[in-house]
Amino acid sequence: MSTPHCPAPERKLVVTEVHPAEPCALAEELADVLDRESRSHAQTRQALVDTTREMERLRQVELAARAVLRVTDTPITFEQEEARQQEMCESLADLRGAFARLTEVSRG
């Protein structure tokens, strides 16, 4: 089976005069725009990374603070009070450590 030959559609090439410096100027402008966009993208990415790290540090402080609050319930016996007091000291030490890391990173 043979397929009938279809002639290609006629194409017209339109040539306009372009100043030789114009394409270079357009290319430079495009390069500048792409460079600005690239820098903006990199800054946005870094801001997201920094924000994610900060959120993780704050989450650690929150968890440590919740641990402190959890052990402040009213104890029923002296043994429970002593155990909770020890647990609170440990939780407060964790909270201080998490807060110290947070402020250390914020200063740096």
N, C-alpha and C. Protein backbone atom coordinates (compact mmCIF):
# COMPACT_ATOMS: atom_id res chain seq x y z
N MET A 1 0.83 -1.17 0.00
CA MET A 1 0.00 0.00 0.00
C MET A 1 0.87 1.23 0.00
N SER A 2 0.54 2.10 -0.80
CA SER A 2 1.30 3.33 -0.84
C SER A 2 0.41 4.47 -0.36
N THR A 3 1.03 5.41 0.27
CA THR A 3 0.27 6.56 0.75
C THR A 3 0.43 7.69 -0.23
N PRO A 4 -0.59 8.43 -0.42
CA PRO A 4 -0.49 9.54 -1.36
C PRO A 4 0.48 10.59 -0.82
N HIS A 5 1.19 11.18 -1.70
CA HIS A 5 2.17 12.19 -1.33
C HIS A 5 1.46 13.51 -1.08
N CYS A 6 1.67 14.04 0.13
CA CYS A 6 1.07 15.34 0.46
C CYS A 6 2.18 16.38 0.41
N PRO A 7 1.98 17.40 -0.33
CA PRO A 7 3.02 18.43 -0.38
C PRO A 7 3.11 19.14 0.97
N ALA A 8 4.32 19.51 1.32
CA ALA A 8 4.53 20.24 2.57
C ALA A 8 3.89 21.61 2.47
N PRO A 9 3.35 22.08 3.57
CA PRO A 9 2.74 23.41 3.51
C PRO A 9 3.81 24.45 3.20
N GLU A 10 3.38 25.46 2.55
CA GLU A 10 4.31 26.50 2.17
C GLU A 10 4.67 27.34 3.38
N ARG A 11 5.95 27.59 3.56
CA ARG A 11 6.41 28.41 4.68
C ARG A 11 7.08 29.64 4.12
N LYS A 12 6.79 30.73 4.78
CA LYS A 12 7.42 31.97 4.35
C LYS A 12 8.34 32.44 5.46
N LEU A 13 9.51 32.76 5.09
CA LEU A 13 10.49 33.27 6.03
C LEU A 13 10.48 34.78 5.94
N VAL A 14 10.22 35.40 7.08
CA VAL A 14 10.19 36.86 7.11
C VAL A 14 11.48 37.34 7.76
N VAL A 15 12.21 38.11 7.05
CA VAL A 15 13.48 38.63 7.57
C VAL A 15 13.30 40.11 7.84
N THR A 16 13.63 40.47 9.06
CA THR A 16 13.59 41.89 9.40
C THR A 16 15.00 42.32 9.75
N GLU A 17 15.22 43.58 9.62
CA GLU A 17 16.55 44.08 9.96
C GLU A 17 16.68 44.17 11.47
N VAL A 18 17.77 43.64 11.97
CA VAL A 18 18.05 43.68 13.40
C VAL A 18 19.43 44.29 13.57
N HIS A 19 19.50 45.22 14.44
CA HIS A 19 20.79 45.85 14.71
C HIS A 19 21.70 44.81 15.35
N PRO A 20 22.96 44.72 14.92
CA PRO A 20 23.85 43.67 15.43
C PRO A 20 24.01 43.69 16.95
N ALA A 21 23.92 44.84 17.57
CA ALA A 21 24.12 44.90 19.03
C ALA A 21 22.86 44.48 19.78
N GLU A 22 21.72 44.52 19.14
CA GLU A 22 20.45 44.24 19.82
C GLU A 22 20.37 42.81 20.36
N PRO A 23 20.71 41.77 19.60
CA PRO A 23 20.65 40.42 20.17
C PRO A 23 21.58 40.25 21.36
N CYS A 24 22.74 40.88 21.30
CA CYS A 24 23.67 40.79 22.43
C CYS A 24 23.09 41.45 23.66
N ALA A 25 22.46 42.59 23.47
CA ALA A 25 21.86 43.30 24.61
C ALA A 25 20.73 42.47 25.20
N LEU A 26 19.92 41.87 24.33
CA LEU A 26 18.83 41.02 24.82
C LEU A 26 19.37 39.80 25.56
N ALA A 27 20.43 39.22 25.04
CA ALA A 27 21.03 38.05 25.69
C ALA A 27 21.61 38.43 27.05
N GLU A 28 22.25 39.60 27.13
CA GLU A 28 22.80 40.06 28.40
C GLU A 28 21.69 40.33 29.41
N GLU A 29 20.62 40.95 28.94
CA GLU A 29 19.48 41.22 29.82
C GLU A 29 18.87 39.93 30.34
N LEU A 30 18.72 38.95 29.46
CA LEU A 30 18.19 37.65 29.87
C LEU A 30 19.12 36.97 30.87
N ALA A 31 20.41 37.06 30.62
CA ALA A 31 21.39 36.47 31.55
C ALA A 31 21.31 37.14 32.91
N ASP A 32 21.13 38.46 32.94
CA ASP A 32 20.99 39.18 34.20
C ASP A 32 19.73 38.75 34.95
N VAL A 33 18.64 38.62 34.22
CA VAL A 33 17.38 38.20 34.84
C VAL A 33 17.52 36.79 35.41
N LEU A 34 18.11 35.90 34.64
CA LEU A 34 18.30 34.52 35.12
C LEU A 34 19.22 34.48 36.33
N ASP A 35 20.25 35.31 36.34
CA ASP A 35 21.16 35.37 37.47
C ASP A 35 20.44 35.86 38.73
N ARG A 36 19.62 36.90 38.58
CA ARG A 36 18.85 37.41 39.73
C ARG A 36 17.88 36.35 40.24
N GLU A 37 17.21 35.66 39.34
CA GLU A 37 16.28 34.61 39.73
C GLU A 37 17.00 33.48 40.45
N SER A 38 18.18 33.13 39.96
CA SER A 38 18.96 32.06 40.59
C SER A 38 19.37 32.46 42.00
N ARG A 39 19.84 33.69 42.17
CA ARG A 39 20.23 34.16 43.51
C ARG A 39 19.02 34.21 44.44
N SER A 40 17.90 34.67 43.92
CA SER A 40 16.68 34.72 44.72
C SER A 40 16.25 33.32 45.15
N HIS A 41 16.35 32.38 44.24
CA HIS A 41 16.00 30.99 44.55
C HIS A 41 16.93 30.43 45.63
N ALA A 42 18.21 30.72 45.51
CA ALA A 42 19.19 30.23 46.50
C ALA A 42 18.92 30.85 47.87
N GLN A 43 18.57 32.14 47.90
CA GLN A 43 18.26 32.79 49.17
C GLN A 43 17.01 32.20 49.80
N THR A 44 16.00 31.93 48.98
CA THR A 44 14.77 31.33 49.48
C THR A 44 15.04 29.94 50.04
N ARG A 45 15.83 29.16 49.32
CA ARG A 45 16.17 27.81 49.78
C ARG A 45 16.91 27.88 51.12
N GLN A 46 17.87 28.80 51.24
CA GLN A 46 18.63 28.93 52.49
C GLN A 46 17.72 29.37 53.63
N ALA A 47 16.79 30.28 53.34
CA ALA A 47 15.84 30.71 54.37
C ALA A 47 14.99 29.54 54.85
N LEU A 48 14.58 28.68 53.93
CA LEU A 48 13.80 27.50 54.31
C LEU A 48 14.62 26.55 55.17
N VAL A 49 15.87 26.35 54.80
CA VAL A 49 16.75 25.47 55.60
C VAL A 49 16.94 26.05 56.99
N ASP A 50 17.21 27.36 57.08
CA ASP A 50 17.40 28.00 58.38
C ASP A 50 16.13 27.92 59.23
N THR A 51 14.99 28.15 58.61
CA THR A 51 13.72 28.09 59.33
C THR A 51 13.44 26.69 59.83
N THR A 52 13.75 25.69 59.03
CA THR A 52 13.55 24.30 59.45
C THR A 52 14.42 23.97 60.65
N ARG A 53 15.67 24.41 60.62
CA ARG A 53 16.57 24.17 61.76
C ARG A 53 16.06 24.87 63.02
N GLU A 54 15.62 26.11 62.85
CA GLU A 54 15.10 26.87 63.99
C GLU A 54 13.85 26.19 64.57
N MET A 55 12.99 25.70 63.70
CA MET A 55 11.79 25.00 64.18
C MET A 55 12.16 23.75 64.96
N GLU A 56 13.17 23.03 64.51
CA GLU A 56 13.61 21.83 65.22
C GLU A 56 14.16 22.19 66.60
N ARG A 57 14.93 23.26 66.67
CA ARG A 57 15.47 23.69 67.97
C ARG A 57 14.33 24.09 68.90
N LEU A 58 13.36 24.83 68.38
CA LEU A 58 12.22 25.23 69.20
C LEU A 58 11.40 24.02 69.64
N ARG A 59 11.31 23.03 68.79
CA ARG A 59 10.59 21.80 69.15
C ARG A 59 11.29 21.09 70.30
N GLN A 60 12.63 21.10 70.29
CA GLN A 60 13.38 20.49 71.39
C GLN A 60 13.12 21.23 72.70
N VAL A 61 13.08 22.57 72.64
CA VAL A 61 12.78 23.35 73.83
C VAL A 61 11.36 23.06 74.30
N GLU A 62 10.42 22.97 73.37
CA GLU A 62 9.03 22.67 73.73
C GLU A 62 8.93 21.31 74.42
N LEU A 63 9.59 20.31 73.87
CA LEU A 63 9.54 18.97 74.47
C LEU A 63 10.13 18.98 75.87
N ALA A 64 11.24 19.68 76.04
CA ALA A 64 11.85 19.76 77.36
C ALA A 64 10.94 20.49 78.34
N ALA A 65 10.30 21.56 77.89
CA ALA A 65 9.38 22.30 78.75
C ALA A 65 8.18 21.45 79.13
N ARG A 66 7.66 20.69 78.18
CA ARG A 66 6.53 19.80 78.49
C ARG A 66 6.93 18.74 79.52
N ALA A 67 8.16 18.26 79.43
CA ALA A 67 8.63 17.27 80.40
C ALA A 67 8.68 17.89 81.80
N VAL A 68 9.08 19.16 81.88
CA VAL A 68 9.10 19.84 83.18
C VAL A 68 7.68 19.97 83.71
N LEU A 69 6.78 20.40 82.86
CA LEU A 69 5.39 20.59 83.30
C LEU A 69 4.73 19.27 83.70
N ARG A 70 5.11 18.20 83.03
CA ARG A 70 4.49 16.90 83.33
C ARG A 70 4.82 16.44 84.74
N VAL A 71 6.01 16.74 85.24
CA VAL A 71 6.40 16.26 86.57
C VAL A 71 6.00 17.21 87.69
N THR A 72 5.29 18.27 87.38
CA THR A 72 4.86 19.20 88.43
C THR A 72 3.50 18.85 89.00
N ASP A 73 2.94 17.71 88.61
CA ASP A 73 1.67 17.27 89.20
C ASP A 73 1.84 17.09 90.71
N THR A 74 0.78 17.24 91.44
CA THR A 74 0.83 17.08 92.89
C THR A 74 1.09 15.62 93.25
N PRO A 75 2.18 15.35 93.97
CA PRO A 75 2.48 13.96 94.34
C PRO A 75 1.56 13.48 95.47
N ILE A 76 1.38 12.19 95.51
CA ILE A 76 0.50 11.59 96.52
C ILE A 76 1.30 11.18 97.76
N THR A 77 2.48 10.65 97.56
CA THR A 77 3.29 10.19 98.69
C THR A 77 4.65 10.87 98.66
N PHE A 78 5.40 10.75 99.77
CA PHE A 78 6.73 11.34 99.82
C PHE A 78 7.67 10.70 98.80
N GLU A 79 7.51 9.39 98.58
CA GLU A 79 8.35 8.71 97.60
C GLU A 79 8.10 9.27 96.20
N GLN A 80 6.81 9.48 95.91
CA GLN A 80 6.46 10.04 94.60
C GLN A 80 7.01 11.46 94.48
N GLU A 81 6.93 12.20 95.59
CA GLU A 81 7.43 13.58 95.56
C GLU A 81 8.94 13.59 95.29
N GLU A 82 9.67 12.71 95.94
CA GLU A 82 11.11 12.64 95.75
C GLU A 82 11.45 12.23 94.31
N ALA A 83 10.72 11.23 93.79
CA ALA A 83 10.96 10.77 92.42
C ALA A 83 10.65 11.89 91.42
N ARG A 84 9.57 12.59 91.65
CA ARG A 84 9.19 13.68 90.74
C ARG A 84 10.17 14.84 90.83
N GLN A 85 10.66 15.09 92.03
CA GLN A 85 11.63 16.16 92.19
C GLN A 85 12.92 15.84 91.42
N GLN A 86 13.35 14.60 91.50
CA GLN A 86 14.53 14.17 90.75
C GLN A 86 14.28 14.28 89.24
N GLU A 87 13.10 13.83 88.83
CA GLU A 87 12.74 13.89 87.41
C GLU A 87 12.67 15.35 86.94
N MET A 88 12.14 16.23 87.80
CA MET A 88 12.05 17.64 87.44
C MET A 88 13.44 18.24 87.28
N CYS A 89 14.36 17.89 88.16
CA CYS A 89 15.74 18.39 88.05
C CYS A 89 16.35 17.96 86.72
N GLU A 90 16.14 16.71 86.35
CA GLU A 90 16.66 16.22 85.07
C GLU A 90 16.00 16.93 83.90
N SER A 91 14.68 17.12 84.00
CA SER A 91 13.95 17.80 82.92
C SER A 91 14.39 19.26 82.80
N LEU A 92 14.59 19.91 83.94
CA LEU A 92 15.06 21.30 83.91
C LEU A 92 16.45 21.39 83.30
N ALA A 93 17.30 20.43 83.60
CA ALA A 93 18.64 20.41 82.99
C ALA A 93 18.54 20.24 81.48
N ASP A 94 17.63 19.37 81.03
CA ASP A 94 17.41 19.20 79.59
C ASP A 94 16.90 20.50 78.96
N LEU A 95 15.96 21.15 79.66
CA LEU A 95 15.41 22.41 79.16
C LEU A 95 16.50 23.48 79.07
N ARG A 96 17.32 23.57 80.10
CA ARG A 96 18.41 24.55 80.08
C ARG A 96 19.37 24.26 78.92
N GLY A 97 19.68 22.99 78.71
CA GLY A 97 20.57 22.62 77.61
C GLY A 97 19.98 22.97 76.26
N ALA A 98 18.69 22.65 76.07
CA ALA A 98 18.03 22.96 74.80
C ALA A 98 17.98 24.47 74.58
N PHE A 99 17.68 25.22 75.63
CA PHE A 99 17.61 26.67 75.52
C PHE A 99 18.99 27.26 75.24
N ALA A 100 20.02 26.71 75.89
CA ALA A 100 21.39 27.18 75.65
C ALA A 100 21.80 26.95 74.20
N ARG A 101 21.46 25.78 73.66
CA ARG A 101 21.78 25.50 72.25
C ARG A 101 21.05 26.46 71.33
N LEU A 102 19.80 26.76 71.67
CA LEU A 102 19.00 27.67 70.85
C LEU A 102 19.61 29.07 70.86
N THR A 103 19.97 29.57 72.04
CA THR A 103 20.53 30.92 72.10
C THR A 103 21.93 30.97 71.51
N GLU A 104 22.68 29.88 71.65
CA GLU A 104 24.03 29.82 71.08
C GLU A 104 23.98 29.92 69.57
N VAL A 105 23.05 29.21 68.95
CA VAL A 105 22.92 29.23 67.49
C VAL A 105 22.39 30.59 67.04
N SER A 106 21.47 31.18 67.82
CA SER A 106 20.90 32.47 67.44
C SER A 106 21.96 33.57 67.44
N ARG A 107 22.91 33.48 68.36
CA ARG A 107 23.98 34.48 68.43
C ARG A 107 24.99 34.29 67.31
N GLY A 108 25.21 33.02 66.92
CA GLY A 108 26.25 32.70 65.93
C GLY A 108 25.78 32.92 64.59
